[in-house]
Amino acid sequence: MFEFLKMGRGNPNEGGGLFGEASSSRSPNSVSNSSRQHTSTHRDLPRVALRDILRLNGIPTDWISCEVAPLTYGDGDDGFLIQLVIQKWHEGLLAHAPLLQQQLLMGLKRFDPASDHSIHVVVWKFSPNCVYPLTGMPPADFWSRKPKFDLPPSNRDHLDDGFAATVPGELR
């Protein structure tokens, strides 16, 4: 009688997944075995692509791991939430994270060109064991400081070569 009150609830028999994602509009029984196998294969694809990208760039494969969860959009498109977990800290990883993410998506396209990989969502996470070296936030003025432009001292600084001195100014 009050079945309408149960709308919006997830099926308690379905697994919570990585983030307790919303349940699909399809019932578990309506998905064929070949479709499940296809989804399982696609779910392993980001892990394979990540391992390949790390190997090609000389990054140890145990520094970043990958967790994959299905995403279902309202228009029927199915994508993945790809969570890249930094397992070992290296300051170069964050400096190059956008490039690694871009290469991962290009790697997915290379491994599976027939699928639309633009619907995947990539997020980054830090493992508690990644051993980040800093223990506190910088002072508030750190974020508004302008970078200094200083050249290292030279043994020719005292020489007069007839040219006007160059004074660094504001960048435009």
Protein backbone atom coordinates (compact mmCIF):
# COMPACT_ATOMS: atom_id res chain seq x y z
CA MET A 1 0.00 0.00 0.00
CA PHE A 2 2.78 2.45 0.86
CA GLU A 3 5.24 1.32 -1.80
CA PHE A 4 5.74 4.93 -2.91
CA LEU A 5 7.51 5.63 0.41
CA LYS A 6 10.25 3.19 -0.59
CA MET A 7 11.16 5.17 -3.70
CA GLY A 8 14.70 6.52 -3.57
CA ARG A 9 15.92 3.80 -1.26
CA GLY A 10 18.78 1.67 -2.46
CA ASN A 11 18.26 -2.07 -2.63
CA PRO A 12 19.63 -3.44 0.66
CA ASN A 13 20.83 -6.58 -1.15
CA GLU A 14 23.14 -4.62 -3.45
CA GLY A 15 26.76 -4.08 -2.47
CA GLY A 16 27.68 -0.63 -1.21
CA GLY A 17 30.60 -0.34 -3.59
CA LEU A 18 33.35 2.17 -3.16
CA PHE A 19 31.21 5.12 -2.10
CA GLY A 20 27.73 3.63 -1.73
CA GLU A 21 26.81 4.83 -5.19
CA ALA A 22 23.22 5.14 -6.34
CA SER A 23 21.60 1.94 -7.52
CA SER A 24 20.93 1.42 -11.18
CA SER A 25 17.43 1.50 -12.58
CA ARG A 26 17.95 -2.06 -13.82
CA SER A 27 17.21 -4.94 -11.52
CA PRO A 28 20.12 -7.33 -10.84
CA ASN A 29 18.28 -10.21 -12.55
CA SER A 30 17.83 -8.32 -15.82
CA VAL A 31 21.58 -8.04 -16.48
CA SER A 32 22.92 -10.94 -18.53
CA ASN A 33 26.09 -12.84 -17.69
CA SER A 34 27.85 -11.50 -20.78
CA SER A 35 26.96 -7.95 -19.74
CA ARG A 36 28.34 -8.60 -16.23
CA GLN A 37 31.55 -10.00 -17.71
CA HIS A 38 31.81 -7.00 -20.06
CA THR A 39 31.38 -4.61 -17.09
CA SER A 40 33.96 -6.55 -15.08
CA THR A 41 36.42 -6.28 -17.96
CA HIS A 42 35.78 -2.55 -18.27
CA ARG A 43 36.21 -2.21 -14.52
CA ASP A 44 39.71 -3.72 -14.72
CA LEU A 45 40.68 -1.51 -17.66
CA PRO A 46 41.58 1.61 -15.58
CA ARG A 47 43.90 -0.51 -13.40
CA VAL A 48 45.64 -1.93 -16.47
CA ALA A 49 45.90 1.51 -18.10
CA LEU A 50 47.28 3.06 -14.89
CA ARG A 51 49.91 0.35 -14.52
CA ASP A 52 50.92 0.90 -18.15
CA ILE A 53 51.13 4.70 -17.75
CA LEU A 54 53.20 4.39 -14.57
CA ARG A 55 55.56 1.91 -16.21
CA LEU A 56 55.99 4.07 -19.34
CA ASN A 57 56.81 7.15 -17.23
CA GLY A 58 59.25 5.33 -14.92
CA ILE A 59 57.06 5.72 -11.83
CA PRO A 60 57.10 2.68 -9.54
CA THR A 61 53.77 0.87 -9.88
CA ASP A 62 53.30 0.61 -6.11
CA TRP A 63 53.26 4.42 -5.68
CA ILE A 64 49.71 4.85 -7.05
CA SER A 65 46.87 2.35 -6.85
CA CYS A 66 43.46 2.47 -8.46
CA GLU A 67 39.96 1.83 -7.11
CA VAL A 68 37.05 1.70 -9.55
CA ALA A 69 33.33 2.07 -8.83
CA PRO A 70 30.46 2.12 -11.34
CA LEU A 71 28.54 5.36 -11.94
CA THR A 72 25.10 5.50 -13.51
CA TYR A 73 23.91 8.78 -14.94
CA GLY A 74 20.24 9.66 -15.34
CA ASP A 75 20.37 9.46 -19.13
CA GLY A 76 21.40 5.78 -19.07
CA ASP A 77 25.13 6.31 -19.59
CA ASP A 78 27.32 4.15 -17.41
CA GLY A 79 30.77 5.36 -16.42
CA PHE A 80 33.24 4.77 -13.64
CA LEU A 81 34.50 6.67 -10.65
CA ILE A 82 38.26 6.11 -10.92
CA GLN A 83 39.97 6.85 -7.62
CA LEU A 84 43.75 7.15 -7.86
CA VAL A 85 45.26 6.53 -4.43
CA ILE A 86 48.75 7.90 -3.72
CA GLN A 87 50.44 5.15 -1.72
CA LYS A 88 53.95 6.67 -1.53
CA TRP A 89 54.59 10.39 -1.30
CA HIS A 90 56.77 12.11 -3.88
CA GLU A 91 56.42 15.85 -4.50
CA GLY A 92 56.66 15.31 -8.26
CA LEU A 93 53.42 13.31 -8.27
CA LEU A 94 51.27 16.31 -7.40
CA ALA A 95 53.12 18.56 -9.80
CA HIS A 96 52.38 16.09 -12.61
CA ALA A 97 48.97 14.80 -11.43
CA PRO A 98 46.99 16.58 -14.19
CA LEU A 99 49.28 15.07 -16.84
CA LEU A 100 49.04 11.60 -15.29
CA GLN A 101 45.25 11.89 -15.25
CA GLN A 102 45.21 13.01 -18.88
CA GLN A 103 47.50 10.14 -19.89
CA LEU A 104 45.27 7.68 -18.00
CA LEU A 105 42.19 8.80 -19.94
CA MET A 106 44.13 8.63 -23.22
CA GLY A 107 45.34 5.15 -22.22
CA LEU A 108 41.74 4.05 -21.64
CA LYS A 109 40.88 5.29 -25.13
CA ARG A 110 43.87 3.45 -26.56
CA PHE A 111 42.87 0.15 -24.88
CA ASP A 112 39.15 0.55 -25.68
CA PRO A 113 38.59 3.03 -28.54
CA ALA A 114 34.92 2.09 -29.00
CA SER A 115 33.83 3.37 -25.56
CA ASP A 116 33.20 6.94 -24.44
CA HIS A 117 35.69 7.55 -21.63
CA SER A 118 34.77 11.20 -21.19
CA ILE A 119 31.97 10.19 -18.78
CA HIS A 120 34.42 8.76 -16.22
CA VAL A 121 35.20 10.78 -13.12
CA VAL A 122 38.79 10.72 -11.86
CA VAL A 123 39.55 11.66 -8.25
CA TRP A 124 42.75 11.61 -6.21
CA LYS A 125 43.12 10.31 -2.67
CA PHE A 126 46.05 10.12 -0.27
CA SER A 127 46.66 6.87 1.57
CA PRO A 128 47.27 7.32 5.31
CA ASN A 129 50.52 5.40 4.74
CA CYS A 130 51.89 7.71 2.02
CA VAL A 131 54.13 9.48 4.62
CA TYR A 132 53.62 13.12 3.70
CA PRO A 133 56.60 15.02 5.20
CA LEU A 134 54.96 18.30 6.31
CA THR A 135 53.06 18.54 9.58
CA GLY A 136 51.38 21.95 9.40
CA MET A 137 49.95 24.54 7.05
CA PRO A 138 52.09 27.52 5.98
CA PRO A 139 51.33 31.02 7.27
CA ALA A 140 48.41 32.84 5.64
CA ASP A 141 50.62 35.20 3.60
CA PHE A 142 52.24 32.20 1.87
CA TRP A 143 49.32 32.01 -0.56
CA SER A 144 49.51 35.68 -1.61
CA ARG A 145 53.30 36.06 -1.92
CA LYS A 146 54.70 36.96 -5.31
CA PRO A 147 57.54 34.79 -6.50
CA LYS A 148 60.99 36.36 -6.35
CA PHE A 149 63.10 36.65 -9.45
CA ASP A 150 66.68 36.48 -8.24
CA LEU A 151 69.56 35.23 -10.27
CA PRO A 152 72.42 33.56 -8.48
CA PRO A 153 75.45 35.83 -7.93
CA SER A 154 78.06 35.78 -10.66
CA ASN A 155 81.75 36.60 -10.64
CA ARG A 156 81.03 39.07 -13.49
CA ASP A 157 78.54 41.20 -11.55
CA HIS A 158 81.14 43.93 -10.87
CA LEU A 159 82.18 44.33 -14.54
CA ASP A 160 80.89 47.32 -16.53
CA ASP A 161 80.15 46.28 -20.10
CA GLY A 162 78.51 49.54 -21.21
CA PHE A 163 74.91 48.25 -21.07
CA ALA A 164 72.27 49.64 -18.77
CA ALA A 165 71.47 47.45 -15.79
CA THR A 166 68.41 45.23 -16.11
CA VAL A 167 66.04 45.54 -13.21
CA PRO A 168 63.36 42.90 -12.79
CA GLY A 169 59.90 44.41 -12.63
CA GLU A 170 56.33 43.24 -12.33
CA LEU A 171 55.34 40.53 -14.77
CA ARG A 172 52.48 41.52 -17.05
